[in-house]
């Protein structure tokens, strides 16, 4: 079974290789908004949010709602279970 944290690390590593891309891991604390995505950043000046899940899993309804809030504001937002999925989320910024 692949751990979600391993997928997050792989996605971060790959995104950091993209020119003009900054990515950060959002750590769950009492001070964050519940349901916010695992990864956030900027690709060529455009904000993105990516929720990472293990294969076979999906975001919760609250996580889907948070992603939609970001999308409605003009950000790139989506979810992925692997590096290829995360890159597909960001393709709309190309």
N, C-alpha and C. Protein backbone atom coordinates (compact mmCIF):
# COMPACT_ATOMS: atom_id res chain seq x y z
N UNK A 1 0.85 -1.18 0.00
CA UNK A 1 0.00 0.00 0.00
C UNK A 1 0.89 1.25 0.00
N UNK A 2 0.62 2.15 -0.89
CA UNK A 2 1.39 3.39 -0.99
C UNK A 2 0.84 4.39 0.03
N UNK A 3 1.72 4.98 0.80
CA UNK A 3 1.30 5.99 1.77
C UNK A 3 1.05 7.32 1.06
N UNK A 4 0.03 8.03 1.53
CA UNK A 4 -0.27 9.33 0.96
C UNK A 4 0.93 10.28 1.09
N UNK A 5 1.62 10.20 2.21
CA UNK A 5 2.78 11.08 2.41
C UNK A 5 3.86 10.84 1.37
N UNK A 6 4.01 9.61 0.93
CA UNK A 6 5.00 9.29 -0.12
C UNK A 6 4.57 9.90 -1.46
N UNK A 7 3.28 9.82 -1.76
CA UNK A 7 2.77 10.43 -2.99
C UNK A 7 2.98 11.94 -2.95
N UNK A 8 2.67 12.56 -1.81
CA UNK A 8 2.86 14.00 -1.65
C UNK A 8 4.32 14.36 -1.90
N UNK A 9 5.24 13.61 -1.31
CA UNK A 9 6.67 13.88 -1.51
C UNK A 9 7.07 13.77 -2.98
N UNK A 10 6.57 12.74 -3.66
CA UNK A 10 6.89 12.55 -5.08
C UNK A 10 6.34 13.70 -5.93
N UNK A 11 5.12 14.13 -5.63
CA UNK A 11 4.52 15.24 -6.37
C UNK A 11 5.31 16.52 -6.14
N UNK A 12 5.64 16.81 -4.88
CA UNK A 12 6.41 18.01 -4.57
C UNK A 12 7.75 18.00 -5.31
N UNK A 13 8.43 16.88 -5.28
CA UNK A 13 9.73 16.76 -5.95
C UNK A 13 9.60 17.06 -7.44
N UNK A 14 8.60 16.49 -8.08
CA UNK A 14 8.42 16.71 -9.52
C UNK A 14 8.03 18.15 -9.83
N UNK A 15 7.13 18.73 -9.05
CA UNK A 15 6.69 20.11 -9.31
C UNK A 15 7.83 21.10 -9.11
N UNK A 16 8.74 20.82 -8.20
CA UNK A 16 9.87 21.71 -7.97
C UNK A 16 10.84 21.72 -9.16
N UNK A 17 10.73 20.75 -10.04
CA UNK A 17 11.57 20.70 -11.24
C UNK A 17 11.02 21.60 -12.35
N UNK A 18 9.79 22.06 -12.22
CA UNK A 18 9.15 22.89 -13.25
C UNK A 18 9.58 24.33 -13.06
N UNK A 19 10.08 24.96 -14.13
CA UNK A 19 10.45 26.38 -14.01
C UNK A 19 9.25 27.23 -13.60
N UNK A 20 9.50 28.21 -12.78
CA UNK A 20 8.49 29.17 -12.30
C UNK A 20 7.37 28.50 -11.52
N UNK A 21 7.70 27.42 -10.82
CA UNK A 21 6.72 26.73 -9.98
C UNK A 21 7.23 26.71 -8.54
N UNK A 22 6.37 27.13 -7.63
CA UNK A 22 6.64 27.06 -6.20
C UNK A 22 5.55 26.19 -5.59
N UNK A 23 5.93 25.21 -4.79
CA UNK A 23 4.95 24.32 -4.17
C UNK A 23 5.26 24.18 -2.69
N UNK A 24 4.21 24.14 -1.89
CA UNK A 24 4.33 23.97 -0.45
C UNK A 24 3.33 22.92 0.03
N UNK A 25 3.70 22.23 1.10
CA UNK A 25 2.82 21.26 1.76
C UNK A 25 2.10 21.99 2.88
N UNK A 26 0.79 21.87 2.91
CA UNK A 26 -0.01 22.45 3.98
C UNK A 26 -0.14 21.40 5.08
N UNK A 27 0.35 21.72 6.26
CA UNK A 27 0.31 20.78 7.39
C UNK A 27 -0.94 21.03 8.21
N UNK A 28 -1.62 19.98 8.55
CA UNK A 28 -2.85 20.10 9.32
C UNK A 28 -2.58 20.53 10.75
N UNK A 29 -3.12 21.67 11.11
CA UNK A 29 -3.03 22.17 12.48
C UNK A 29 -4.38 22.76 12.85
N UNK A 30 -4.49 23.21 14.06
CA UNK A 30 -5.73 23.85 14.52
C UNK A 30 -5.95 25.20 13.84
N UNK A 31 -4.93 25.71 13.15
CA UNK A 31 -5.01 27.05 12.57
C UNK A 31 -5.32 27.08 11.08
N UNK A 32 -5.52 25.94 10.46
CA UNK A 32 -5.87 25.94 9.04
C UNK A 32 -7.36 25.71 8.88
N UNK A 33 -7.85 26.02 7.70
CA UNK A 33 -9.26 25.77 7.40
C UNK A 33 -9.44 24.29 7.07
N UNK A 34 -10.38 23.67 7.74
CA UNK A 34 -10.65 22.24 7.48
C UNK A 34 -10.98 22.03 6.02
N UNK A 35 -10.45 20.96 5.46
CA UNK A 35 -10.75 20.59 4.09
C UNK A 35 -9.84 21.21 3.06
N UNK A 36 -8.93 22.11 3.46
CA UNK A 36 -8.01 22.69 2.48
C UNK A 36 -7.08 21.62 1.93
N UNK A 37 -6.63 21.83 0.71
CA UNK A 37 -5.83 20.84 -0.02
C UNK A 37 -4.45 20.66 0.62
N UNK A 38 -3.84 19.52 0.31
CA UNK A 38 -2.52 19.17 0.84
C UNK A 38 -1.42 20.07 0.30
N UNK A 39 -1.48 20.37 -0.99
CA UNK A 39 -0.44 21.16 -1.63
C UNK A 39 -1.01 22.45 -2.19
N UNK A 40 -0.22 23.50 -2.10
CA UNK A 40 -0.61 24.78 -2.69
C UNK A 40 0.64 25.43 -3.25
N UNK A 41 0.44 26.36 -4.15
CA UNK A 41 1.60 27.03 -4.71
C UNK A 41 1.22 27.93 -5.87
N UNK A 42 2.22 28.21 -6.69
CA UNK A 42 2.04 29.09 -7.82
C UNK A 42 2.81 28.54 -9.01
N UNK A 43 2.18 28.55 -10.17
CA UNK A 43 2.81 28.14 -11.41
C UNK A 43 2.72 29.33 -12.37
N UNK A 44 3.86 29.93 -12.64
CA UNK A 44 3.91 31.10 -13.51
C UNK A 44 2.92 32.19 -13.06
N UNK A 45 2.86 32.39 -11.75
CA UNK A 45 2.02 33.44 -11.20
C UNK A 45 0.57 33.06 -10.95
N UNK A 46 0.19 31.85 -11.25
CA UNK A 46 -1.20 31.42 -11.02
C UNK A 46 -1.26 30.46 -9.84
N UNK A 47 -2.10 30.79 -8.88
CA UNK A 47 -2.24 29.98 -7.66
C UNK A 47 -2.84 28.62 -7.98
N UNK A 48 -2.34 27.58 -7.29
CA UNK A 48 -2.95 26.25 -7.42
C UNK A 48 -3.12 25.59 -6.06
N UNK A 49 -4.08 24.67 -6.03
CA UNK A 49 -4.37 23.83 -4.87
C UNK A 49 -4.54 22.40 -5.37
N UNK A 50 -3.81 21.44 -4.77
CA UNK A 50 -3.94 20.04 -5.17
C UNK A 50 -4.14 19.18 -3.93
N UNK A 51 -5.23 18.46 -3.90
CA UNK A 51 -5.49 17.48 -2.84
C UNK A 51 -4.90 16.15 -3.31
N UNK A 52 -4.14 15.50 -2.45
CA UNK A 52 -3.50 14.23 -2.78
C UNK A 52 -4.19 13.10 -2.02
N UNK A 53 -4.49 12.04 -2.74
CA UNK A 53 -5.13 10.87 -2.14
C UNK A 53 -4.40 9.60 -2.57
N UNK A 54 -4.52 8.57 -1.77
CA UNK A 54 -3.99 7.25 -2.16
C UNK A 54 -4.84 6.70 -3.30
N UNK A 55 -4.25 5.85 -4.14
CA UNK A 55 -5.05 5.23 -5.20
C UNK A 55 -6.30 4.55 -4.63
N UNK A 56 -7.41 4.74 -5.32
CA UNK A 56 -8.68 4.16 -4.88
C UNK A 56 -9.47 5.04 -3.92
N UNK A 57 -8.86 6.13 -3.48
CA UNK A 57 -9.54 7.05 -2.56
C UNK A 57 -9.92 8.33 -3.30
N UNK A 58 -10.88 9.06 -2.74
CA UNK A 58 -11.32 10.34 -3.31
C UNK A 58 -11.38 11.39 -2.20
N UNK A 59 -11.34 12.66 -2.56
CA UNK A 59 -11.52 13.70 -1.55
C UNK A 59 -12.89 13.59 -0.87
N UNK A 60 -12.96 14.10 0.33
CA UNK A 60 -14.23 14.13 1.05
C UNK A 60 -15.12 15.21 0.43
N UNK A 61 -16.41 15.20 0.72
CA UNK A 61 -17.27 16.27 0.22
C UNK A 61 -16.76 17.67 0.62
N UNK A 62 -16.24 17.81 1.83
CA UNK A 62 -15.70 19.10 2.26
C UNK A 62 -14.48 19.48 1.42
N UNK A 63 -13.61 18.52 1.14
CA UNK A 63 -12.43 18.80 0.31
C UNK A 63 -12.84 19.19 -1.11
N UNK A 64 -13.83 18.51 -1.67
CA UNK A 64 -14.34 18.89 -2.99
C UNK A 64 -14.87 20.32 -2.96
N UNK A 65 -15.58 20.69 -1.90
CA UNK A 65 -16.13 22.04 -1.78
C UNK A 65 -15.02 23.08 -1.70
N UNK A 66 -13.97 22.80 -0.95
CA UNK A 66 -12.84 23.74 -0.85
C UNK A 66 -12.16 23.92 -2.20
N UNK A 67 -11.96 22.80 -2.93
CA UNK A 67 -11.36 22.89 -4.26
C UNK A 67 -12.22 23.73 -5.18
N UNK A 68 -13.52 23.58 -5.08
CA UNK A 68 -14.43 24.36 -5.93
C UNK A 68 -14.38 25.84 -5.57
N UNK A 69 -14.23 26.17 -4.29
CA UNK A 69 -14.07 27.57 -3.89
C UNK A 69 -12.85 28.19 -4.57
N UNK A 70 -11.75 27.45 -4.57
CA UNK A 70 -10.54 27.95 -5.22
C UNK A 70 -10.74 28.09 -6.73
N UNK A 71 -11.36 27.09 -7.33
CA UNK A 71 -11.62 27.13 -8.78
C UNK A 71 -12.48 28.35 -9.14
N UNK A 72 -13.51 28.59 -8.34
CA UNK A 72 -14.42 29.71 -8.60
C UNK A 72 -13.71 31.06 -8.47
N UNK A 73 -12.62 31.10 -7.71
CA UNK A 73 -11.88 32.36 -7.54
C UNK A 73 -10.83 32.55 -8.63
N UNK A 74 -10.68 31.57 -9.52
CA UNK A 74 -9.72 31.68 -10.60
C UNK A 74 -8.46 30.85 -10.43
N UNK A 75 -8.34 30.15 -9.32
CA UNK A 75 -7.16 29.31 -9.09
C UNK A 75 -7.29 27.99 -9.84
N UNK A 76 -6.17 27.33 -10.02
CA UNK A 76 -6.15 25.96 -10.54
C UNK A 76 -6.38 25.06 -9.33
N UNK A 77 -7.31 24.15 -9.42
CA UNK A 77 -7.60 23.29 -8.27
C UNK A 77 -8.04 21.92 -8.74
N UNK A 78 -7.54 20.90 -8.07
CA UNK A 78 -7.92 19.53 -8.41
C UNK A 78 -7.31 18.56 -7.43
N UNK A 79 -7.49 17.28 -7.75
CA UNK A 79 -6.94 16.25 -6.87
C UNK A 79 -6.24 15.20 -7.70
N UNK A 80 -5.34 14.47 -7.06
CA UNK A 80 -4.52 13.49 -7.77
C UNK A 80 -4.14 12.33 -6.85
N UNK A 81 -3.88 11.20 -7.47
CA UNK A 81 -3.40 10.03 -6.72
C UNK A 81 -1.97 9.68 -7.08
N UNK A 82 -1.36 10.49 -7.96
CA UNK A 82 0.02 10.24 -8.36
C UNK A 82 0.59 11.49 -9.03
N UNK A 83 1.86 11.42 -9.41
CA UNK A 83 2.52 12.56 -10.04
C UNK A 83 1.85 12.93 -11.35
N UNK A 84 1.53 11.94 -12.17
CA UNK A 84 0.90 12.21 -13.46
C UNK A 84 -0.43 12.94 -13.27
N UNK A 85 -1.19 12.56 -12.28
CA UNK A 85 -2.45 13.23 -12.00
C UNK A 85 -2.27 14.67 -11.57
N UNK A 86 -1.24 14.93 -10.76
CA UNK A 86 -0.96 16.30 -10.33
C UNK A 86 -0.54 17.16 -11.51
N UNK A 87 0.27 16.59 -12.40
CA UNK A 87 0.67 17.34 -13.61
C UNK A 87 -0.54 17.62 -14.49
N UNK A 88 -1.47 16.69 -14.55
CA UNK A 88 -2.69 16.91 -15.34
C UNK A 88 -3.51 18.04 -14.75
N UNK A 89 -3.57 18.17 -13.45
CA UNK A 89 -4.29 19.28 -12.81
C UNK A 89 -3.69 20.61 -13.27
N UNK A 90 -2.38 20.66 -13.38
CA UNK A 90 -1.69 21.89 -13.72
C UNK A 90 -1.65 22.18 -15.22
N UNK A 91 -2.05 21.24 -16.05
CA UNK A 91 -2.01 21.43 -17.50
C UNK A 91 -2.81 22.65 -17.95
N UNK A 92 -3.87 23.01 -17.25
CA UNK A 92 -4.67 24.15 -17.67
C UNK A 92 -3.91 25.47 -17.53
N UNK A 93 -2.78 25.45 -16.82
CA UNK A 93 -1.98 26.67 -16.68
C UNK A 93 -0.96 26.81 -17.81
N UNK A 94 -0.81 25.79 -18.60
CA UNK A 94 0.19 25.81 -19.68
C UNK A 94 -0.22 26.73 -20.79
